[in-house]
Protein backbone atom coordinates (compact mmCIF):
# COMPACT_ATOMS: atom_id res chain seq x y z
CA UNK A 1 194.31 115.12 124.65
CA UNK A 2 190.75 115.60 125.90
CA UNK A 3 189.31 113.49 128.73
CA UNK A 4 186.34 111.41 127.58
CA UNK A 5 183.57 111.85 130.15
CA UNK A 6 180.66 109.41 130.08
CA UNK A 7 177.67 111.19 131.64
CA UNK A 8 175.24 108.56 132.95
CA UNK A 9 171.62 109.55 133.59
CA UNK A 10 168.03 108.29 133.58
CA UNK A 11 167.13 104.95 135.19
CA UNK A 12 163.87 103.26 136.10
CA UNK A 13 163.30 105.52 139.12
CA UNK A 14 160.33 107.87 139.48
CA UNK A 15 162.96 110.62 139.33
CA UNK A 16 163.89 109.57 135.78
CA UNK A 17 162.87 112.84 134.11
CA UNK A 18 164.56 114.92 136.82
CA UNK A 19 167.81 113.09 136.11
CA UNK A 20 167.50 113.97 132.41
CA UNK A 21 167.05 117.67 133.24
CA UNK A 22 170.08 117.67 135.58
CA UNK A 23 172.29 115.79 133.12
CA UNK A 24 171.43 117.84 130.03
CA UNK A 25 172.08 121.03 132.02
CA UNK A 26 175.49 119.72 133.06
CA UNK A 27 176.52 118.39 129.63
CA UNK A 28 175.78 121.78 128.08
CA UNK A 29 178.00 123.49 130.67
CA UNK A 30 181.06 121.22 130.51
CA UNK A 31 184.26 122.71 129.11
CA UNK A 32 184.50 121.19 125.61
CA UNK A 33 188.11 122.38 125.34
CA UNK A 34 188.98 119.87 128.08
CA UNK A 35 186.36 117.16 127.73
CA UNK A 36 184.72 115.01 125.09
CA UNK A 37 181.20 114.44 126.39
CA UNK A 38 179.65 111.00 125.87
CA UNK A 39 175.98 110.84 126.93
CA UNK A 40 174.87 107.50 128.43
CA UNK A 41 171.13 107.34 128.89
CA UNK A 42 169.47 104.57 130.94
CA UNK A 43 165.87 104.11 129.77
CA UNK A 44 163.10 103.14 132.16
CA UNK A 45 163.39 99.54 130.94
CA UNK A 46 167.09 99.66 132.05
CA UNK A 47 168.44 99.60 128.49
CA UNK A 48 171.51 101.81 127.98
CA UNK A 49 171.85 104.16 124.98
CA UNK A 50 174.41 106.61 123.64
CA UNK A 51 174.48 109.23 120.90
CA UNK A 52 175.26 112.94 120.58
CA UNK A 53 171.55 113.76 120.17
CA UNK A 54 171.09 112.87 123.86
CA UNK A 55 172.57 116.24 124.87
CA UNK A 56 169.46 117.97 123.45
CA UNK A 57 166.45 118.23 125.78
CA UNK A 58 164.01 118.21 122.85
CA UNK A 59 164.98 114.62 122.03
CA UNK A 60 163.21 113.37 125.16
CA UNK A 61 159.82 114.67 124.03
CA UNK A 62 159.46 111.57 121.83
CA UNK A 63 161.09 108.50 123.39
CA UNK A 64 160.28 106.31 120.37
CA UNK A 65 162.48 108.50 118.16
CA UNK A 66 165.22 108.52 120.77
CA UNK A 67 165.35 104.74 120.89
CA UNK A 68 165.28 104.54 117.10
CA UNK A 69 168.31 106.76 116.50
CA UNK A 70 170.40 106.36 119.65
CA UNK A 71 172.63 103.29 119.88
CA UNK A 72 171.96 100.57 122.44
CA UNK A 73 175.12 99.81 124.41
CA UNK A 74 176.65 98.15 127.42
CA UNK A 75 179.69 99.39 129.38
CA UNK A 76 182.64 97.04 129.69
CA UNK A 77 186.38 96.97 130.25
CA UNK A 78 188.51 95.78 127.35
CA UNK A 79 192.27 95.92 126.68
CA UNK A 80 192.78 98.26 129.61
CA UNK A 81 190.14 100.73 128.43
CA UNK A 82 186.45 101.31 129.08
CA UNK A 83 184.10 101.01 126.13
CA UNK A 84 180.45 101.42 125.27
CA UNK A 85 179.78 98.35 123.16
CA UNK A 86 176.87 97.54 120.84
CA UNK A 87 176.11 93.81 121.15
CA UNK A 88 173.41 93.58 118.48
CA UNK A 89 174.13 91.39 115.48
CA UNK A 90 176.85 88.79 115.06
CA UNK A 91 179.72 90.94 116.25
CA UNK A 92 180.34 93.28 119.18
CA UNK A 93 181.04 96.81 117.99
CA UNK A 94 182.83 99.47 120.03
CA UNK A 95 180.80 102.67 119.87
CA UNK A 96 182.69 104.99 122.23
CA UNK A 97 185.57 104.85 124.69
CA UNK A 98 185.35 106.76 127.96
CA UNK A 99 187.98 107.62 130.56
CA UNK A 100 185.72 108.51 133.47
CA UNK A 101 182.04 108.12 134.33
CA UNK A 102 179.96 111.00 135.66
CA UNK A 103 176.69 109.70 137.19
CA UNK A 104 174.01 112.40 137.26
CA UNK A 105 171.20 110.23 138.51
CA UNK A 106 168.50 110.47 141.16
CA UNK A 107 166.71 107.79 143.15
CA UNK A 108 166.69 104.04 143.66
CA UNK A 109 168.82 101.64 141.62
CA UNK A 110 171.07 104.46 140.43
CA UNK A 111 171.85 107.08 143.10
CA UNK A 112 171.65 104.62 146.00
CA UNK A 113 175.01 102.91 145.39
CA UNK A 114 173.71 100.36 142.88
CA UNK A 115 175.23 102.10 139.86
CA UNK A 116 178.38 103.00 141.80
CA UNK A 117 178.86 99.32 142.68
CA UNK A 118 178.59 98.39 139.01
CA UNK A 119 181.18 101.00 138.07
CA UNK A 120 183.48 99.77 140.85
CA UNK A 121 183.15 96.21 139.58
CA UNK A 122 184.24 97.29 136.11
CA UNK A 123 187.00 99.40 137.65
CA UNK A 124 186.27 102.69 135.92
CA UNK A 125 186.86 105.94 137.82
CA UNK A 126 183.73 107.95 138.45
CA UNK A 127 182.61 111.27 139.88
CA UNK A 128 180.81 111.54 143.21
CA UNK A 129 180.18 109.43 146.28
CA UNK A 130 181.24 105.80 146.37
CA UNK A 131 178.96 102.89 147.25
CA UNK A 132 178.70 103.32 151.02
CA UNK A 133 178.18 107.09 150.90
CA UNK A 134 175.59 106.80 148.14
CA UNK A 135 173.70 104.05 149.99
CA UNK A 136 173.70 105.87 153.32
CA UNK A 137 172.60 109.09 151.68
CA UNK A 138 169.63 107.41 150.02
CA UNK A 139 168.12 105.46 152.94
CA UNK A 140 166.56 108.03 155.26
CA UNK A 141 166.26 105.56 158.14
CA UNK A 142 169.82 104.22 158.22
CA UNK A 143 171.07 107.74 157.57
CA UNK A 144 169.28 109.02 160.69
CA UNK A 145 170.69 106.16 162.74
CA UNK A 146 174.21 107.12 161.63
CA UNK A 147 173.53 110.79 162.39
CA UNK A 148 172.31 109.90 165.89
CA UNK A 149 175.53 108.01 166.59
CA UNK A 150 177.59 110.99 165.37
CA UNK A 151 175.67 113.57 167.41
CA UNK A 152 174.26 115.33 164.35
CA UNK A 153 170.91 117.02 165.11
CA UNK A 154 167.82 115.40 163.55
CA UNK A 155 164.07 115.74 164.19
CA UNK A 156 162.20 113.14 166.30
CA UNK A 157 161.14 110.23 164.07
CA UNK A 158 159.95 106.66 163.84
CA UNK A 159 159.96 104.19 160.96
CA UNK A 160 158.42 100.90 159.82
CA UNK A 161 158.21 98.45 156.94
CA UNK A 162 155.04 98.09 154.87
CA UNK A 163 154.65 94.56 156.30
CA UNK A 164 154.70 96.03 159.84
CA UNK A 165 151.85 98.33 158.87
CA UNK A 166 149.76 95.57 157.34
CA UNK A 167 150.43 93.02 160.10
CA UNK A 168 150.48 95.25 163.19
CA UNK A 169 148.90 98.55 162.25
CA UNK A 170 147.94 99.52 165.80
CA UNK A 171 151.52 99.32 167.03
CA UNK A 172 152.77 101.40 164.09
CA UNK A 173 150.12 104.06 164.68
CA UNK A 174 150.86 104.06 168.42
CA UNK A 175 154.53 104.86 167.76
CA UNK A 176 153.58 107.64 165.37
CA UNK A 177 151.14 109.20 167.84
CA UNK A 178 153.97 109.46 170.38
CA UNK A 179 155.59 112.00 168.07
CA UNK A 180 152.48 114.18 168.16
CA UNK A 181 150.63 115.62 165.19
CA UNK A 182 151.28 117.02 162.67
CA UNK A 183 153.79 114.55 161.18
CA UNK A 184 155.40 114.21 157.79
CA UNK A 185 155.43 110.80 156.10
CA UNK A 186 158.14 109.86 153.59
CA UNK A 187 159.23 106.84 151.55
CA UNK A 188 162.66 106.03 152.96
CA UNK A 189 164.49 105.72 149.66
CA UNK A 190 163.06 108.35 147.34
CA UNK A 191 163.93 111.97 146.68
CA UNK A 192 162.48 114.98 144.83
CA UNK A 193 159.64 115.02 147.39
CA UNK A 194 157.93 112.06 145.70
CA UNK A 195 155.37 110.31 147.96
CA UNK A 196 155.86 112.83 150.79
CA UNK A 197 152.93 114.45 152.60
CA UNK A 198 151.84 115.90 155.94
CA UNK A 199 149.26 114.28 158.24
CA UNK A 200 147.56 116.63 160.72
CA UNK A 201 145.16 114.03 162.16
CA UNK A 202 144.94 110.26 162.48
CA UNK A 203 142.45 110.19 159.59
CA UNK A 204 144.95 112.04 157.40
CA UNK A 205 147.68 109.67 158.53
CA UNK A 206 146.09 106.50 157.11
CA UNK A 207 145.72 108.06 153.67
CA UNK A 208 149.22 109.51 153.65
CA UNK A 209 150.80 106.21 154.71
CA UNK A 210 148.92 104.31 152.01
CA UNK A 211 150.26 106.76 149.43
CA UNK A 212 153.87 106.50 150.67
CA UNK A 213 153.73 102.70 150.63
CA UNK A 214 153.07 102.83 146.88
CA UNK A 215 156.67 103.96 146.44
CA UNK A 216 158.72 102.06 149.02
CA UNK A 217 158.73 99.15 151.45
CA UNK A 218 160.26 101.28 154.22
CA UNK A 219 158.56 104.41 155.57
CA UNK A 220 159.88 107.13 157.86
CA UNK A 221 157.63 109.45 159.88
CA UNK A 222 158.94 112.68 161.38
CA UNK A 223 157.58 115.30 163.75
CA UNK A 224 156.79 118.49 161.82
CA UNK A 225 158.97 121.39 162.97
CA UNK A 226 156.97 124.45 164.02
CA UNK A 227 157.83 127.96 162.80
CA UNK A 228 159.84 126.22 160.11
CA UNK A 229 162.28 127.61 157.59
CA UNK A 230 163.97 125.32 155.04
CA UNK A 231 167.62 126.03 154.30
CA UNK A 232 169.95 124.16 151.97
CA UNK A 233 173.74 124.00 151.96
CA UNK A 234 175.97 122.54 149.23
CA UNK A 235 179.32 120.86 149.92
CA UNK A 236 182.01 120.11 147.33
CA UNK A 237 185.05 117.89 147.82
CA UNK A 238 186.11 114.54 149.27
CA UNK A 239 187.08 113.11 152.66
CA UNK A 240 190.22 115.27 152.80
CA UNK A 241 188.88 118.67 151.79
CA UNK A 242 185.43 120.24 151.73
CA UNK A 243 184.22 123.57 150.36
CA UNK A 244 180.84 125.03 151.28
CA UNK A 245 178.64 127.13 148.99
CA UNK A 246 176.19 129.91 149.80
CA UNK A 247 173.15 128.91 151.88
CA UNK A 248 169.71 129.23 150.31
CA UNK A 249 166.31 129.68 151.90
CA UNK A 250 163.77 127.66 149.93
CA UNK A 251 160.28 129.02 149.39
CA UNK A 252 157.53 126.48 148.65
CA UNK A 253 153.92 127.21 147.73
CA UNK A 254 152.82 124.18 149.77
CA UNK A 255 153.48 123.36 153.44
CA UNK A 256 156.42 121.34 152.24
CA UNK A 257 158.66 121.90 149.22
CA UNK A 258 156.83 119.60 146.83
CA UNK A 259 157.67 117.90 143.54
CA UNK A 260 155.39 120.53 141.97
CA UNK A 261 157.46 123.36 143.45
CA UNK A 262 160.77 121.80 142.48
CA UNK A 263 160.12 120.77 138.91
CA UNK A 264 156.67 121.34 137.42
CA UNK A 265 156.23 125.04 138.17
CA UNK A 266 159.51 125.69 136.43
CA UNK A 267 158.38 123.73 133.41
CA UNK A 268 155.37 125.77 132.32
CA UNK A 269 157.53 127.39 129.70
CA UNK A 270 159.59 125.37 127.24
CA UNK A 271 161.76 123.01 129.28
CA UNK A 272 162.00 122.86 133.05
CA UNK A 273 165.16 124.16 134.69
CA UNK A 274 164.79 121.64 137.50
CA UNK A 275 165.84 122.70 140.99
CA UNK A 276 167.37 125.86 139.48
CA UNK A 277 163.82 127.13 138.85
CA UNK A 278 162.63 126.73 142.47
CA UNK A 279 161.76 129.93 144.37
CA UNK A 280 164.59 130.74 146.75
CA UNK A 281 166.32 133.51 148.64
CA UNK A 282 170.12 133.60 148.46
CA UNK A 283 171.72 134.04 150.90
CA UNK A 284 169.32 132.57 153.46
CA UNK A 285 167.85 135.05 155.94
CA UNK A 286 169.41 133.58 159.06
CA UNK A 287 171.99 134.89 161.50
CA UNK A 288 175.69 134.82 160.72
CA UNK A 289 176.21 132.56 163.74
CA UNK A 290 173.67 129.96 162.55
CA UNK A 291 175.03 130.21 159.01
CA UNK A 292 178.50 129.23 160.21
CA UNK A 293 177.11 126.45 162.42
CA UNK A 294 175.19 124.98 159.48
CA UNK A 295 178.25 125.17 157.25
CA UNK A 296 180.38 123.32 159.81
CA UNK A 297 177.62 120.74 160.37
CA UNK A 298 177.41 120.24 156.60
CA UNK A 299 181.11 119.38 156.47
CA UNK A 300 180.58 116.94 159.33
CA UNK A 301 177.65 115.29 157.52
CA UNK A 302 179.79 115.03 154.37
CA UNK A 303 182.63 113.31 156.22
CA UNK A 304 180.40 111.14 158.43
CA UNK A 305 178.67 109.60 155.39
CA UNK A 306 181.96 109.55 153.41
CA UNK A 307 180.45 111.53 150.52
CA UNK A 308 182.22 112.83 147.44
CA UNK A 309 181.74 115.23 144.55
CA UNK A 310 178.99 117.73 145.25
CA UNK A 311 176.04 117.19 147.57
CA UNK A 312 173.23 119.33 148.95
CA UNK A 313 172.34 119.02 152.63
CA UNK A 314 168.84 120.16 153.53
CA UNK A 315 168.01 121.68 156.92
CA UNK A 316 164.87 122.46 158.89
CA UNK A 317 165.02 125.46 161.25
CA UNK A 318 162.66 126.30 164.11
CA UNK A 319 162.77 130.10 163.91
CA UNK A 320 161.31 130.59 167.38
CA UNK A 321 163.68 128.21 169.19
CA UNK A 322 166.59 129.06 166.87
CA UNK A 323 167.43 125.40 166.41
CA UNK A 324 168.33 123.61 163.20
CA UNK A 325 168.05 119.96 162.20
CA UNK A 326 169.55 118.00 159.32
CA UNK A 327 166.71 116.85 157.10
CA UNK A 328 168.68 114.84 154.56
CA UNK A 329 171.68 114.94 152.22
CA UNK A 330 171.22 114.68 148.46
CA UNK A 331 174.31 112.87 147.22
CA UNK A 332 173.57 113.84 143.59
CA UNK A 333 171.38 116.92 143.95
CA UNK A 334 169.06 118.25 141.27
CA UNK A 335 170.95 120.58 138.92
CA UNK A 336 174.06 119.60 140.97
CA UNK A 337 173.24 122.67 143.11
CA UNK A 338 175.20 124.90 140.74
CA UNK A 339 172.98 127.84 141.76
CA UNK A 340 174.51 127.71 145.27
CA UNK A 341 178.04 128.06 143.88
CA UNK A 342 177.59 130.86 141.37
CA UNK A 343 176.93 133.45 144.15
CA UNK A 344 180.19 132.26 145.75
CA UNK A 345 182.07 133.07 142.54
CA UNK A 346 182.27 129.55 141.07
CA UNK A 347 180.63 129.10 137.65
CA UNK A 348 178.80 125.90 136.76
CA UNK A 349 181.60 125.04 134.31
CA UNK A 350 184.21 125.48 137.05
CA UNK A 351 182.12 123.39 139.47
CA UNK A 352 181.95 120.50 136.99
CA UNK A 353 185.68 120.79 136.32
CA UNK A 354 186.50 120.55 140.05
CA UNK A 355 184.23 117.52 140.46
CA UNK A 356 185.97 115.68 137.62
CA UNK A 357 189.47 116.62 138.83
CA UNK A 358 188.63 115.48 142.38
CA UNK A 359 187.39 112.14 141.05
CA UNK A 360 190.59 111.60 139.06
CA UNK A 361 192.73 112.46 142.09
CA UNK A 362 190.74 110.08 144.32
CA UNK A 363 191.02 107.29 141.74
CA UNK A 364 194.80 107.66 141.58
CA UNK A 365 194.95 107.64 145.38
CA UNK A 366 192.84 104.47 145.62
CA UNK A 367 194.92 102.81 142.92
CA UNK A 368 197.88 102.94 145.28
CA UNK A 369 196.07 100.93 147.95
CA UNK A 370 196.21 97.14 148.28
CA UNK A 371 192.94 95.42 147.39
CA UNK A 372 194.15 91.97 146.37
CA UNK A 373 197.20 89.69 146.58
CA UNK A 374 199.21 88.14 143.75
CA UNK A 375 199.30 84.78 145.49
CA UNK A 376 196.66 82.18 144.60
CA UNK A 377 195.55 80.21 147.67
CA UNK A 378 193.63 77.84 145.39
CA UNK A 379 196.85 76.55 143.77
CA UNK A 380 197.21 73.98 146.59
CA UNK A 381 193.50 73.26 146.85
CA UNK A 382 192.82 69.47 146.82
CA UNK A 383 189.52 69.77 145.04
CA UNK A 384 186.03 68.60 145.90
CA UNK A 385 187.24 65.22 147.15
CA UNK A 386 189.37 66.83 149.78
CA UNK A 387 186.49 69.01 150.90
CA UNK A 388 184.21 66.01 151.35
CA UNK A 389 186.50 64.59 154.00
CA UNK A 390 186.60 67.88 155.86
CA UNK A 391 182.83 68.29 155.70
CA UNK A 392 182.28 64.82 157.15
CA UNK A 393 184.56 65.64 160.05
């Protein structure tokens, strides 16, 4: 019997379209001899849809047609199973049953632990990092604080809320100047290089901050690494076992690897290939010693944040000083970083299969843990009247 895999993608995030690209790529590479694929698309208005047509990239060229022919659904648990249910009309109608969820989402309110928490509440097994790992991997400020405590190398940084900037701008700018120009300014909770830019002077800084604040309430500012090379490393597994793919050296046309580099340049022909279309050199042109150090650090990052499934950890290297720094992990990377596993001998289909099998194994392991007790402490509760006497005391 085939496993029914519900692939969840989309969301209201600015990375909505990138999620579609990643998910459609993955759905078209899953082993249909093992899996029945059930697409679950979250529109920008947060409405959920399903339908086989959602596996075709061309469908997303006209969202009005998509919403007309796809079926609006909600995910719920019923009679021990997990169902996509249509609630329109007088009666609830089961549309599809799924055995496991596979979130392929990017950005806030989906990748940041929000969706994972919803799936945990329902009780359905799912692929990838759980709530805490997803949340830590999304917030660049808290992530850095965790890395500092674990002794993981990061670049000098400072951070602030938008209210800090509006209410005490001089103090915020003072802290940034201590880093020394140039600096890179980032929204703390976005990915795909959205809202990120470099400030070389104080005049640049004000404009760049104003742009970043459009996307997030929390902003992180980092010292720009000189003589920089960007290298990415993908990790596959769970807290017990981790595999590491081939390192890539990323080539951007801008000073930073921009949204344009990652997604738009690859989309000039019919259909973008997402991160798979980015210019890169594989393997990265760094020493064997540094390659091994980055691979070991990547495993440490994976375990420190308690990640799962496949992630991509991005590094910044100062070529002159021969030092590397963790930039950030991507808990659900664009294209699921399949292009870093194929050179290591693992096809995209095999990568997806391992991710699903790991999720099933982890779910069975967690099912053996104790999360609640059969006893009901409320059975002897005296009610509101009894509480009133205690509150008065």
